[in-house]
């Protein structure tokens, strides 16, 4: 999945496993602290699944989304852009 899928998972407090070669998804996972970033190979992904299943991430994902990615944030950014024109 893409960036939107990652943000949707985080909003639902579902930890995300993303690959090191996906910069924006990686940013979301690292900033939120809800999931893991791994090298794109089967063994690393399998290991990450087991780690994520055994880890309680609490509300880190939804807290992150609420802090940066709500409709209010989009509206504020749009207004900033409009005012720069």
Protein backbone atom coordinates (compact mmCIF):
# COMPACT_ATOMS: atom_id res chain seq x y z
CA UNK A 1 0.00 0.00 0.00
CA UNK A 2 0.91 3.60 -0.35
CA UNK A 3 1.17 6.52 1.98
CA UNK A 4 -2.57 6.84 2.47
CA UNK A 5 -2.80 3.19 3.55
CA UNK A 6 0.01 3.75 6.03
CA UNK A 7 -1.72 6.79 7.53
CA UNK A 8 -5.06 4.96 7.66
CA UNK A 9 -3.47 2.04 9.50
CA UNK A 10 -1.76 4.39 11.95
CA UNK A 11 -5.03 6.25 12.52
CA UNK A 12 -6.52 2.92 13.60
CA UNK A 13 -3.50 2.10 15.80
CA UNK A 14 -2.49 -0.75 13.50
CA UNK A 15 1.31 -0.97 13.50
CA UNK A 16 2.88 -0.71 10.07
CA UNK A 17 5.78 -2.66 8.65
CA UNK A 18 7.34 -0.77 5.79
CA UNK A 19 10.46 -1.18 3.74
CA UNK A 20 13.60 0.93 3.96
CA UNK A 21 13.20 1.90 0.30
CA UNK A 22 9.86 3.67 0.89
CA UNK A 23 10.92 7.10 2.17
CA UNK A 24 7.55 8.70 2.97
CA UNK A 25 6.06 5.57 4.57
CA UNK A 26 9.29 5.16 6.48
CA UNK A 27 9.00 8.74 7.74
CA UNK A 28 5.48 8.06 9.05
CA UNK A 29 6.48 4.86 10.84
CA UNK A 30 9.61 6.35 12.36
CA UNK A 31 7.89 9.56 13.48
CA UNK A 32 4.90 7.74 14.94
CA UNK A 33 6.85 4.96 16.63
CA UNK A 34 4.07 2.58 15.60
CA UNK A 35 5.63 -0.25 13.62
CA UNK A 36 8.93 -1.19 12.07
CA UNK A 37 11.07 -0.31 9.08
CA UNK A 38 12.91 -3.28 7.58
CA UNK A 39 15.00 -4.22 4.59
CA UNK A 40 12.80 -5.60 1.81
CA UNK A 41 13.38 -9.32 2.10
CA UNK A 42 11.15 -12.16 3.23
CA UNK A 43 13.07 -13.04 6.40
CA UNK A 44 13.15 -9.47 7.71
CA UNK A 45 9.45 -9.00 6.99
CA UNK A 46 8.60 -12.30 8.70
CA UNK A 47 10.68 -11.37 11.75
CA UNK A 48 9.02 -7.93 11.87
CA UNK A 49 5.54 -9.48 11.84
CA UNK A 50 6.41 -11.51 14.94
CA UNK A 51 7.90 -8.49 16.70
CA UNK A 52 4.95 -6.24 15.87
CA UNK A 53 2.46 -8.87 17.07
CA UNK A 54 4.27 -9.06 20.42
CA UNK A 55 4.58 -5.28 20.91
CA UNK A 56 1.99 -2.99 22.46
CA UNK A 57 2.14 0.29 20.57
CA UNK A 58 -0.80 1.77 22.46
CA UNK A 59 -2.20 4.81 20.73
CA UNK A 60 1.07 5.99 19.18
CA UNK A 61 -0.30 5.69 15.66
CA UNK A 62 -3.54 7.59 16.19
CA UNK A 63 -1.79 10.18 18.36
CA UNK A 64 0.65 10.81 15.52
CA UNK A 65 -2.09 11.14 12.90
CA UNK A 66 -4.06 13.50 15.13
CA UNK A 67 -0.96 15.64 15.64
CA UNK A 68 -0.16 16.11 11.92
CA UNK A 69 -2.71 14.74 9.50
CA UNK A 70 -6.23 15.87 10.34
CA UNK A 71 -8.58 17.88 8.13
CA UNK A 72 -7.62 20.93 10.23
CA UNK A 73 -3.97 20.45 9.25
CA UNK A 74 -4.91 20.17 5.57
CA UNK A 75 -7.10 23.28 5.80
CA UNK A 76 -4.36 25.28 7.52
CA UNK A 77 -1.81 24.24 4.89
CA UNK A 78 -4.19 25.11 2.07
CA UNK A 79 -4.85 28.51 3.61
CA UNK A 80 -1.10 29.14 3.93
CA UNK A 81 -0.68 28.31 0.25
CA UNK A 82 -3.57 30.56 -0.79
CA UNK A 83 -2.19 33.46 1.24
CA UNK A 84 1.21 33.11 -0.45
CA UNK A 85 -0.32 33.68 -3.91
